[in-house]
All heavy atoms as atom14 arrays in JSON, in Angstrom:
{
  "sequence": "ALVTGGLGFLGQAVAHSLRRDGYRVVGLGHGQRPAEEIRAAGFDR",
  "atom14_mask": [
    [1, 1, 1, 1, 1, 0, 0, 0, 0, 0, 0, 0, 0, 0],
    [1, 1, 1, 1, 1, 1, 1, 1, 0, 0, 0, 0, 0, 0],
    [1, 1, 1, 1, 1, 1, 1, 0, 0, 0, 0, 0, 0, 0],
    [1, 1, 1, 1, 1, 1, 1, 0, 0, 0, 0, 0, 0, 0],
    [1, 1, 1, 1, 0, 0, 0, 0, 0, 0, 0, 0, 0, 0],
    [1, 1, 1, 1, 0, 0, 0, 0, 0, 0, 0, 0, 0, 0],
    [1, 1, 1, 1, 1, 1, 1, 1, 0, 0, 0, 0, 0, 0],
    [1, 1, 1, 1, 0, 0, 0, 0, 0, 0, 0, 0, 0, 0],
    [1, 1, 1, 1, 1, 1, 1, 1, 1, 1, 1, 0, 0, 0],
    [1, 1, 1, 1, 1, 1, 1, 1, 0, 0, 0, 0, 0, 0],
    [1, 1, 1, 1, 0, 0, 0, 0, 0, 0, 0, 0, 0, 0],
    [1, 1, 1, 1, 1, 1, 1, 1, 1, 0, 0, 0, 0, 0],
    [1, 1, 1, 1, 1, 0, 0, 0, 0, 0, 0, 0, 0, 0],
    [1, 1, 1, 1, 1, 1, 1, 0, 0, 0, 0, 0, 0, 0],
    [1, 1, 1, 1, 1, 0, 0, 0, 0, 0, 0, 0, 0, 0],
    [1, 1, 1, 1, 1, 1, 1, 1, 1, 1, 0, 0, 0, 0],
    [1, 1, 1, 1, 1, 1, 0, 0, 0, 0, 0, 0, 0, 0],
    [1, 1, 1, 1, 1, 1, 1, 1, 0, 0, 0, 0, 0, 0],
    [1, 1, 1, 1, 1, 1, 1, 1, 1, 1, 1, 0, 0, 0],
    [1, 1, 1, 1, 1, 1, 1, 1, 1, 1, 1, 0, 0, 0],
    [1, 1, 1, 1, 1, 1, 1, 1, 0, 0, 0, 0, 0, 0],
    [1, 1, 1, 1, 0, 0, 0, 0, 0, 0, 0, 0, 0, 0],
    [1, 1, 1, 1, 1, 1, 1, 1, 1, 1, 1, 1, 0, 0],
    [1, 1, 1, 1, 1, 1, 1, 1, 1, 1, 1, 0, 0, 0],
    [1, 1, 1, 1, 1, 1, 1, 0, 0, 0, 0, 0, 0, 0],
    [1, 1, 1, 1, 1, 1, 1, 0, 0, 0, 0, 0, 0, 0],
    [1, 1, 1, 1, 0, 0, 0, 0, 0, 0, 0, 0, 0, 0],
    [1, 1, 1, 1, 1, 1, 1, 1, 0, 0, 0, 0, 0, 0],
    [1, 1, 1, 1, 0, 0, 0, 0, 0, 0, 0, 0, 0, 0],
    [1, 1, 1, 1, 1, 1, 1, 1, 1, 1, 0, 0, 0, 0],
    [1, 1, 1, 1, 0, 0, 0, 0, 0, 0, 0, 0, 0, 0],
    [1, 1, 1, 1, 1, 1, 1, 1, 1, 0, 0, 0, 0, 0],
    [1, 1, 1, 1, 1, 1, 1, 1, 1, 1, 1, 0, 0, 0],
    [1, 1, 1, 1, 1, 1, 1, 0, 0, 0, 0, 0, 0, 0],
    [1, 1, 1, 1, 1, 0, 0, 0, 0, 0, 0, 0, 0, 0],
    [1, 1, 1, 1, 1, 1, 1, 1, 1, 0, 0, 0, 0, 0],
    [1, 1, 1, 1, 1, 1, 1, 1, 1, 0, 0, 0, 0, 0],
    [1, 1, 1, 1, 1, 1, 1, 1, 0, 0, 0, 0, 0, 0],
    [1, 1, 1, 1, 1, 1, 1, 1, 1, 1, 1, 0, 0, 0],
    [1, 1, 1, 1, 1, 0, 0, 0, 0, 0, 0, 0, 0, 0],
    [1, 1, 1, 1, 1, 0, 0, 0, 0, 0, 0, 0, 0, 0],
    [1, 1, 1, 1, 0, 0, 0, 0, 0, 0, 0, 0, 0, 0],
    [1, 1, 1, 1, 1, 1, 1, 1, 1, 1, 1, 0, 0, 0],
    [1, 1, 1, 1, 1, 1, 1, 1, 0, 0, 0, 0, 0, 0],
    [1, 1, 1, 1, 1, 1, 1, 1, 1, 1, 1, 0, 0, 0]
  ],
  "atom14_positions": [
    [[-5.02, 44.54, -14.2], [-4.87, 44.95, -12.85], [-5.65, 46.24, -12.62], [-5.7, 47.1, -13.48], [-3.39, 45.17, -12.5], [0.0, 0.0, 0.0], [0.0, 0.0, 0.0], [0.0, 0.0, 0.0], [0.0, 0.0, 0.0], [0.0, 0.0, 0.0], [0.0, 0.0, 0.0], [0.0, 0.0, 0.0], [0.0, 0.0, 0.0], [0.0, 0.0, 0.0]],
    [[-6.24, 46.34, -11.42], [-6.91, 47.57, -10.98], [-6.04, 48.22, -9.95], [-5.64, 47.54, -8.99], [-8.29, 47.24, -10.39], [-9.02, 48.44, -9.75], [-9.36, 49.49, -10.78], [-10.28, 47.95, -9.0], [0.0, 0.0, 0.0], [0.0, 0.0, 0.0], [0.0, 0.0, 0.0], [0.0, 0.0, 0.0], [0.0, 0.0, 0.0], [0.0, 0.0, 0.0]],
    [[-5.74, 49.51, -10.1], [-5.01, 50.25, -9.13], [-5.9, 51.39, -8.64], [-6.24, 52.3, -9.39], [-3.66, 50.83, -9.68], [-2.96, 51.66, -8.62], [-2.8, 49.74, -10.21], [0.0, 0.0, 0.0], [0.0, 0.0, 0.0], [0.0, 0.0, 0.0], [0.0, 0.0, 0.0], [0.0, 0.0, 0.0], [0.0, 0.0, 0.0], [0.0, 0.0, 0.0]],
    [[-6.36, 51.3, -7.38], [-7.17, 52.42, -6.83], [-6.23, 53.46, -6.27], [-5.07, 53.2, -5.94], [-8.08, 51.88, -5.71], [-7.28, 51.52, -4.56], [-8.91, 50.65, -6.18], [0.0, 0.0, 0.0], [0.0, 0.0, 0.0], [0.0, 0.0, 0.0], [0.0, 0.0, 0.0], [0.0, 0.0, 0.0], [0.0, 0.0, 0.0], [0.0, 0.0, 0.0]],
    [[-6.76, 54.69, -6.16], [-5.89, 55.78, -5.79], [-4.78, 55.95, -6.82], [-3.63, 56.26, -6.52], [0.0, 0.0, 0.0], [0.0, 0.0, 0.0], [0.0, 0.0, 0.0], [0.0, 0.0, 0.0], [0.0, 0.0, 0.0], [0.0, 0.0, 0.0], [0.0, 0.0, 0.0], [0.0, 0.0, 0.0], [0.0, 0.0, 0.0], [0.0, 0.0, 0.0]],
    [[-5.12, 55.76, -8.07], [-4.16, 55.59, -9.17], [-3.3, 56.79, -9.44], [-2.16, 56.63, -9.89], [0.0, 0.0, 0.0], [0.0, 0.0, 0.0], [0.0, 0.0, 0.0], [0.0, 0.0, 0.0], [0.0, 0.0, 0.0], [0.0, 0.0, 0.0], [0.0, 0.0, 0.0], [0.0, 0.0, 0.0], [0.0, 0.0, 0.0], [0.0, 0.0, 0.0]],
    [[-3.8, 57.97, -9.22], [-3.02, 59.17, -9.53], [-2.24, 59.69, -8.31], [-1.62, 60.75, -8.35], [-3.91, 60.3, -10.09], [-4.47, 60.04, -11.49], [-5.32, 61.22, -11.93], [-3.36, 59.75, -12.45], [0.0, 0.0, 0.0], [0.0, 0.0, 0.0], [0.0, 0.0, 0.0], [0.0, 0.0, 0.0], [0.0, 0.0, 0.0], [0.0, 0.0, 0.0]],
    [[-2.27, 58.89, -7.23], [-1.48, 59.21, -6.08], [0.03, 58.87, -6.29], [0.41, 58.3, -7.31], [0.0, 0.0, 0.0], [0.0, 0.0, 0.0], [0.0, 0.0, 0.0], [0.0, 0.0, 0.0], [0.0, 0.0, 0.0], [0.0, 0.0, 0.0], [0.0, 0.0, 0.0], [0.0, 0.0, 0.0], [0.0, 0.0, 0.0], [0.0, 0.0, 0.0]],
    [[0.85, 59.25, -5.34], [2.3, 59.07, -5.43], [2.67, 57.62, -5.67], [3.38, 57.32, -6.64], [2.94, 59.62, -4.17], [4.41, 59.51, -4.08], [5.23, 60.12, -5.05], [5.0, 58.79, -3.06], [6.61, 60.0, -4.97], [6.39, 58.68, -2.98], [7.2, 59.28, -3.94], [0.0, 0.0, 0.0], [0.0, 0.0, 0.0], [0.0, 0.0, 0.0]],
    [[2.17, 56.74, -4.84], [2.5, 55.32, -4.97], [1.73, 54.7, -6.13], [2.23, 53.87, -6.89], [2.2, 54.54, -3.69], [2.47, 53.04, -3.7], [3.94, 52.77, -4.04], [2.09, 52.43, -2.36], [0.0, 0.0, 0.0], [0.0, 0.0, 0.0], [0.0, 0.0, 0.0], [0.0, 0.0, 0.0], [0.0, 0.0, 0.0], [0.0, 0.0, 0.0]],
    [[0.48, 55.11, -6.31], [-0.38, 54.53, -7.36], [0.26, 54.61, -8.75], [0.23, 53.66, -9.52], [0.0, 0.0, 0.0], [0.0, 0.0, 0.0], [0.0, 0.0, 0.0], [0.0, 0.0, 0.0], [0.0, 0.0, 0.0], [0.0, 0.0, 0.0], [0.0, 0.0, 0.0], [0.0, 0.0, 0.0], [0.0, 0.0, 0.0], [0.0, 0.0, 0.0]],
    [[0.78, 55.78, -9.09], [1.4, 55.94, -10.41], [2.62, 55.04, -10.58], [2.85, 54.45, -11.62], [1.74, 57.39, -10.63], [0.52, 58.28, -10.85], [0.9, 59.68, -11.35], [1.55, 59.82, -12.37], [0.46, 60.68, -10.61], [0.0, 0.0, 0.0], [0.0, 0.0, 0.0], [0.0, 0.0, 0.0], [0.0, 0.0, 0.0], [0.0, 0.0, 0.0]],
    [[3.45, 54.99, -9.53], [4.66, 54.18, -9.6], [4.26, 52.69, -9.76], [4.9, 51.95, -10.5], [5.48, 54.36, -8.33], [0.0, 0.0, 0.0], [0.0, 0.0, 0.0], [0.0, 0.0, 0.0], [0.0, 0.0, 0.0], [0.0, 0.0, 0.0], [0.0, 0.0, 0.0], [0.0, 0.0, 0.0], [0.0, 0.0, 0.0], [0.0, 0.0, 0.0]],
    [[3.23, 52.26, -9.05], [2.75, 50.88, -9.19], [2.23, 50.61, -10.61], [2.52, 49.56, -11.22], [1.61, 50.57, -8.14], [0.94, 49.3, -8.46], [2.21, 50.54, -6.71], [0.0, 0.0, 0.0], [0.0, 0.0, 0.0], [0.0, 0.0, 0.0], [0.0, 0.0, 0.0], [0.0, 0.0, 0.0], [0.0, 0.0, 0.0], [0.0, 0.0, 0.0]],
    [[1.47, 51.57, -11.16], [0.98, 51.39, -12.51], [2.1, 51.15, -13.52], [2.03, 50.3, -14.39], [0.12, 52.61, -12.89], [0.0, 0.0, 0.0], [0.0, 0.0, 0.0], [0.0, 0.0, 0.0], [0.0, 0.0, 0.0], [0.0, 0.0, 0.0], [0.0, 0.0, 0.0], [0.0, 0.0, 0.0], [0.0, 0.0, 0.0], [0.0, 0.0, 0.0]],
    [[3.14, 51.97, -13.43], [4.27, 51.82, -14.36], [4.93, 50.47, -14.17], [5.29, 49.83, -15.18], [5.29, 52.93, -14.11], [4.86, 54.26, -14.7], [4.75, 54.48, -16.03], [4.53, 55.45, -14.1], [4.37, 55.71, -16.29], [4.22, 56.34, -15.12], [0.0, 0.0, 0.0], [0.0, 0.0, 0.0], [0.0, 0.0, 0.0], [0.0, 0.0, 0.0]],
    [[5.11, 50.03, -12.94], [5.79, 48.7, -12.68], [4.94, 47.59, -13.24], [5.44, 46.61, -13.85], [6.03, 48.53, -11.18], [7.06, 49.39, -10.79], [0.0, 0.0, 0.0], [0.0, 0.0, 0.0], [0.0, 0.0, 0.0], [0.0, 0.0, 0.0], [0.0, 0.0, 0.0], [0.0, 0.0, 0.0], [0.0, 0.0, 0.0], [0.0, 0.0, 0.0]],
    [[3.63, 47.66, -13.06], [2.77, 46.57, -13.52], [2.68, 46.56, -15.08], [2.71, 45.47, -15.68], [1.35, 46.74, -12.94], [1.23, 46.5, -11.46], [-0.21, 46.76, -11.0], [1.65, 45.11, -11.04], [0.0, 0.0, 0.0], [0.0, 0.0, 0.0], [0.0, 0.0, 0.0], [0.0, 0.0, 0.0], [0.0, 0.0, 0.0], [0.0, 0.0, 0.0]],
    [[2.61, 47.71, -15.69], [2.53, 47.75, -17.12], [3.88, 47.25, -17.76], [3.9, 46.56, -18.75], [2.22, 49.17, -17.63], [1.69, 49.1, -19.07], [0.88, 50.32, -19.44], [1.67, 51.52, -19.55], [1.17, 52.68, -19.93], [-0.13, 52.8, -20.19], [1.96, 53.73, -20.05], [0.0, 0.0, 0.0], [0.0, 0.0, 0.0], [0.0, 0.0, 0.0]],
    [[4.99, 47.55, -17.08], [6.26, 47.02, -17.52], [6.28, 45.48, -17.49], [6.9, 44.84, -18.33], [7.36, 47.53, -16.59], [8.77, 47.02, -16.81], [9.59, 47.11, -15.54], [9.03, 46.26, -14.49], [9.28, 46.46, -13.24], [10.06, 47.42, -12.77], [8.75, 45.63, -12.29], [0.0, 0.0, 0.0], [0.0, 0.0, 0.0], [0.0, 0.0, 0.0]],
    [[5.5, 44.92, -16.53], [5.45, 43.45, -16.39], [4.35, 42.82, -17.25], [4.05, 41.67, -17.14], [5.21, 43.09, -14.94], [6.43, 43.31, -14.07], [7.5, 43.62, -14.62], [6.32, 43.17, -12.83], [0.0, 0.0, 0.0], [0.0, 0.0, 0.0], [0.0, 0.0, 0.0], [0.0, 0.0, 0.0], [0.0, 0.0, 0.0], [0.0, 0.0, 0.0]],
    [[3.76, 43.65, -18.13], [2.8, 43.1, -19.1], [1.34, 43.18, -18.73], [0.5, 42.64, -19.44], [0.0, 0.0, 0.0], [0.0, 0.0, 0.0], [0.0, 0.0, 0.0], [0.0, 0.0, 0.0], [0.0, 0.0, 0.0], [0.0, 0.0, 0.0], [0.0, 0.0, 0.0], [0.0, 0.0, 0.0], [0.0, 0.0, 0.0], [0.0, 0.0, 0.0]],
    [[1.01, 43.89, -17.64], [-0.4, 44.02, -17.25], [-1.08, 45.1, -18.09], [-0.44, 46.08, -18.49], [-0.52, 44.4, -15.79], [-0.39, 43.28, -14.81], [0.85, 42.86, -14.31], [-1.52, 42.54, -14.37], [0.97, 41.83, -13.42], [-1.41, 41.55, -13.45], [-0.16, 41.18, -13.0], [-0.07, 40.14, -12.1], [0.0, 0.0, 0.0], [0.0, 0.0, 0.0]],
    [[-2.31, 44.91, -18.29], [-3.21, 45.98, -18.73], [-3.71, 46.63, -17.44], [-4.29, 45.96, -16.61], [-4.37, 45.48, -19.55], [-5.45, 46.52, -19.9], [-6.54, 45.92, -20.73], [-7.68, 46.87, -20.86], [-8.68, 46.92, -20.02], [-8.76, 46.04, -19.0], [-9.63, 47.83, -20.16], [0.0, 0.0, 0.0], [0.0, 0.0, 0.0], [0.0, 0.0, 0.0]],
    [[-3.47, 47.94, -17.24], [-3.73, 48.6, -15.97], [-4.9, 49.55, -16.04], [-4.9, 50.48, -16.87], [-2.45, 49.34, -15.48], [-2.67, 49.91, -14.1], [-1.23, 48.42, -15.51], [0.0, 0.0, 0.0], [0.0, 0.0, 0.0], [0.0, 0.0, 0.0], [0.0, 0.0, 0.0], [0.0, 0.0, 0.0], [0.0, 0.0, 0.0], [0.0, 0.0, 0.0]],
    [[-5.88, 49.31, -15.18], [-7.02, 50.2, -15.02], [-6.85, 50.99, -13.77], [-6.56, 50.4, -12.68], [-8.33, 49.34, -14.95], [-9.53, 50.32, -14.73], [-8.54, 48.53, -16.24], [0.0, 0.0, 0.0], [0.0, 0.0, 0.0], [0.0, 0.0, 0.0], [0.0, 0.0, 0.0], [0.0, 0.0, 0.0], [0.0, 0.0, 0.0], [0.0, 0.0, 0.0]],
    [[-6.98, 52.29, -13.87], [-6.84, 53.16, -12.71], [-8.18, 53.7, -12.25], [-9.04, 53.98, -13.06], [0.0, 0.0, 0.0], [0.0, 0.0, 0.0], [0.0, 0.0, 0.0], [0.0, 0.0, 0.0], [0.0, 0.0, 0.0], [0.0, 0.0, 0.0], [0.0, 0.0, 0.0], [0.0, 0.0, 0.0], [0.0, 0.0, 0.0], [0.0, 0.0, 0.0]],
    [[-8.31, 53.85, -10.91], [-9.57, 54.35, -10.34], [-9.16, 55.35, -9.25], [-8.34, 55.09, -8.4], [-10.41, 53.22, -9.75], [-11.6, 53.62, -8.85], [-12.6, 54.45, -9.63], [-12.26, 52.35, -8.31], [0.0, 0.0, 0.0], [0.0, 0.0, 0.0], [0.0, 0.0, 0.0], [0.0, 0.0, 0.0], [0.0, 0.0, 0.0], [0.0, 0.0, 0.0]],
    [[-9.74, 56.53, -9.35], [-9.44, 57.57, -8.35], [-9.95, 58.94, -8.78], [-10.78, 59.05, -9.67], [0.0, 0.0, 0.0], [0.0, 0.0, 0.0], [0.0, 0.0, 0.0], [0.0, 0.0, 0.0], [0.0, 0.0, 0.0], [0.0, 0.0, 0.0], [0.0, 0.0, 0.0], [0.0, 0.0, 0.0], [0.0, 0.0, 0.0], [0.0, 0.0, 0.0]],
    [[-9.46, 59.92, -8.11], [-9.92, 61.31, -8.37], [-9.03, 62.0, -9.37], [-7.82, 61.8, -9.42], [-9.95, 62.1, -7.09], [-10.96, 61.58, -6.07], [-10.65, 61.37, -4.74], [-12.24, 61.15, -6.25], [-11.74, 60.89, -4.14], [-12.72, 60.75, -5.02], [0.0, 0.0, 0.0], [0.0, 0.0, 0.0], [0.0, 0.0, 0.0], [0.0, 0.0, 0.0]],
    [[-9.65, 62.85, -10.16], [-8.89, 63.67, -11.11], [-9.17, 63.22, -12.55], [-9.12, 62.04, -12.89], [0.0, 0.0, 0.0], [0.0, 0.0, 0.0], [0.0, 0.0, 0.0], [0.0, 0.0, 0.0], [0.0, 0.0, 0.0], [0.0, 0.0, 0.0], [0.0, 0.0, 0.0], [0.0, 0.0, 0.0], [0.0, 0.0, 0.0], [0.0, 0.0, 0.0]],
    [[-9.51, 64.2, -13.43], [-9.69, 63.92, -14.83], [-8.46, 64.49, -15.54], [-8.03, 65.62, -15.3], [-10.96, 64.58, -15.37], [-12.23, 63.85, -14.97], [-12.46, 62.58, -15.81], [-11.48, 62.08, -16.4], [-13.66, 62.08, -15.8], [0.0, 0.0, 0.0], [0.0, 0.0, 0.0], [0.0, 0.0, 0.0], [0.0, 0.0, 0.0], [0.0, 0.0, 0.0]],
    [[-7.89, 63.7, -16.44], [-6.72, 64.12, -17.17], [-6.92, 63.77, -18.68], [-7.67, 62.86, -19.0], [-5.49, 63.38, -16.69], [-5.22, 63.5, -15.19], [-4.57, 64.84, -14.85], [-4.35, 64.99, -13.39], [-3.32, 64.47, -12.74], [-2.41, 63.8, -13.4], [-3.22, 64.64, -11.42], [0.0, 0.0, 0.0], [0.0, 0.0, 0.0], [0.0, 0.0, 0.0]],
    [[-6.26, 64.47, -19.54], [-6.28, 64.09, -20.97], [-5.76, 62.7, -21.16], [-4.93, 62.2, -20.36], [-5.39, 65.16, -21.64], [-5.37, 66.31, -20.67], [-5.5, 65.72, -19.32], [0.0, 0.0, 0.0], [0.0, 0.0, 0.0], [0.0, 0.0, 0.0], [0.0, 0.0, 0.0], [0.0, 0.0, 0.0], [0.0, 0.0, 0.0], [0.0, 0.0, 0.0]],
    [[-6.18, 62.07, -22.22], [-5.83, 60.66, -22.46], [-4.35, 60.43, -22.49], [-3.83, 59.46, -21.97], [-6.46, 60.2, -23.78], [0.0, 0.0, 0.0], [0.0, 0.0, 0.0], [0.0, 0.0, 0.0], [0.0, 0.0, 0.0], [0.0, 0.0, 0.0], [0.0, 0.0, 0.0], [0.0, 0.0, 0.0], [0.0, 0.0, 0.0], [0.0, 0.0, 0.0]],
    [[-3.62, 61.39, -23.06], [-2.15, 61.24, -23.14], [-1.48, 61.3, -21.81], [-0.5, 60.56, -21.52], [-1.49, 62.25, -24.07], [-1.69, 63.7, -23.69], [-2.99, 64.35, -24.21], [-3.87, 63.55, -24.66], [-3.1, 65.56, -24.22], [0.0, 0.0, 0.0], [0.0, 0.0, 0.0], [0.0, 0.0, 0.0], [0.0, 0.0, 0.0], [0.0, 0.0, 0.0]],
    [[-2.07, 62.1, -20.86], [-1.52, 62.16, -19.49], [-1.83, 60.84, -18.73], [-1.04, 60.4, -17.91], [-2.09, 63.36, -18.79], [-1.52, 64.71, -19.24], [-1.95, 65.85, -18.38], [-2.31, 65.62, -17.2], [-1.93, 66.99, -18.89], [0.0, 0.0, 0.0], [0.0, 0.0, 0.0], [0.0, 0.0, 0.0], [0.0, 0.0, 0.0], [0.0, 0.0, 0.0]],
    [[-3.03, 60.32, -18.99], [-3.39, 59.05, -18.3], [-2.45, 57.96, -18.75], [-1.95, 57.16, -17.94], [-4.85, 58.69, -18.64], [-5.85, 59.68, -17.98], [-5.18, 57.26, -18.25], [-5.77, 59.7, -16.47], [0.0, 0.0, 0.0], [0.0, 0.0, 0.0], [0.0, 0.0, 0.0], [0.0, 0.0, 0.0], [0.0, 0.0, 0.0], [0.0, 0.0, 0.0]],
    [[-2.14, 57.93, -20.03], [-1.23, 56.92, -20.53], [0.17, 57.12, -19.94], [0.82, 56.13, -19.56], [-1.17, 57.02, -22.06], [-0.31, 55.92, -22.73], [-1.02, 54.61, -22.75], [-0.19, 53.56, -23.4], [-0.51, 52.34, -23.46], [-1.67, 51.9, -22.99], [0.25, 51.44, -24.02], [0.0, 0.0, 0.0], [0.0, 0.0, 0.0], [0.0, 0.0, 0.0]],
    [[0.58, 58.36, -19.92], [1.89, 58.65, -19.33], [1.98, 58.31, -17.86], [3.09, 58.01, -17.33], [2.24, 60.15, -19.56], [0.0, 0.0, 0.0], [0.0, 0.0, 0.0], [0.0, 0.0, 0.0], [0.0, 0.0, 0.0], [0.0, 0.0, 0.0], [0.0, 0.0, 0.0], [0.0, 0.0, 0.0], [0.0, 0.0, 0.0], [0.0, 0.0, 0.0]],
    [[0.82, 58.36, -17.15], [0.8, 57.99, -15.74], [0.81, 56.48, -15.47], [0.88, 56.05, -14.35], [-0.43, 58.61, -15.08], [0.0, 0.0, 0.0], [0.0, 0.0, 0.0], [0.0, 0.0, 0.0], [0.0, 0.0, 0.0], [0.0, 0.0, 0.0], [0.0, 0.0, 0.0], [0.0, 0.0, 0.0], [0.0, 0.0, 0.0], [0.0, 0.0, 0.0]],
    [[0.72, 55.72, -16.59], [0.87, 54.25, -16.48], [-0.41, 53.48, -16.68], [-0.45, 52.28, -16.45], [0.0, 0.0, 0.0], [0.0, 0.0, 0.0], [0.0, 0.0, 0.0], [0.0, 0.0, 0.0], [0.0, 0.0, 0.0], [0.0, 0.0, 0.0], [0.0, 0.0, 0.0], [0.0, 0.0, 0.0], [0.0, 0.0, 0.0], [0.0, 0.0, 0.0]],
    [[-1.51, 54.17, -17.14], [-2.83, 53.51, -17.19], [-3.27, 53.32, -18.65], [-3.12, 54.17, -19.52], [-3.86, 54.34, -16.44], [-3.52, 54.44, -15.0], [-2.97, 55.6, -14.45], [-3.7, 53.4, -14.13], [-2.64, 55.71, -13.14], [-3.38, 53.47, -12.76], [-2.83, 54.65, -12.3], [0.0, 0.0, 0.0], [0.0, 0.0, 0.0], [0.0, 0.0, 0.0]],
    [[-3.93, 52.16, -18.85], [-4.57, 51.88, -20.13], [-6.04, 52.37, -20.12], [-6.59, 52.65, -21.2], [-4.55, 50.38, -20.42], [-3.14, 49.88, -20.52], [-2.51, 50.07, -21.58], [-2.58, 49.28, -19.52], [0.0, 0.0, 0.0], [0.0, 0.0, 0.0], [0.0, 0.0, 0.0], [0.0, 0.0, 0.0], [0.0, 0.0, 0.0], [0.0, 0.0, 0.0]],
    [[-6.6, 52.47, -18.95], [-7.97, 52.98, -18.82], [-8.04, 53.73, -17.47], [-7.44, 53.29, -16.5], [-8.97, 51.83, -18.81], [-10.43, 52.3, -18.57], [-11.39, 51.14, -18.37], [-12.75, 51.61, -18.1], [-13.75, 50.81, -17.7], [-13.54, 49.5, -17.51], [-14.97, 51.34, -17.43], [0.0, 0.0, 0.0], [0.0, 0.0, 0.0], [0.0, 0.0, 0.0]]
  ]
}
């Protein structure tokens, strides 16, 4: 799944819900974060 605006309020919540359901989640948006923060936000990439 691709989630645009991924680090936004809804985007992060969506990423967590999709990953819980077995998706590999790619996020696209503004902001650079360390890899561990990206993973914690719900994204695989």
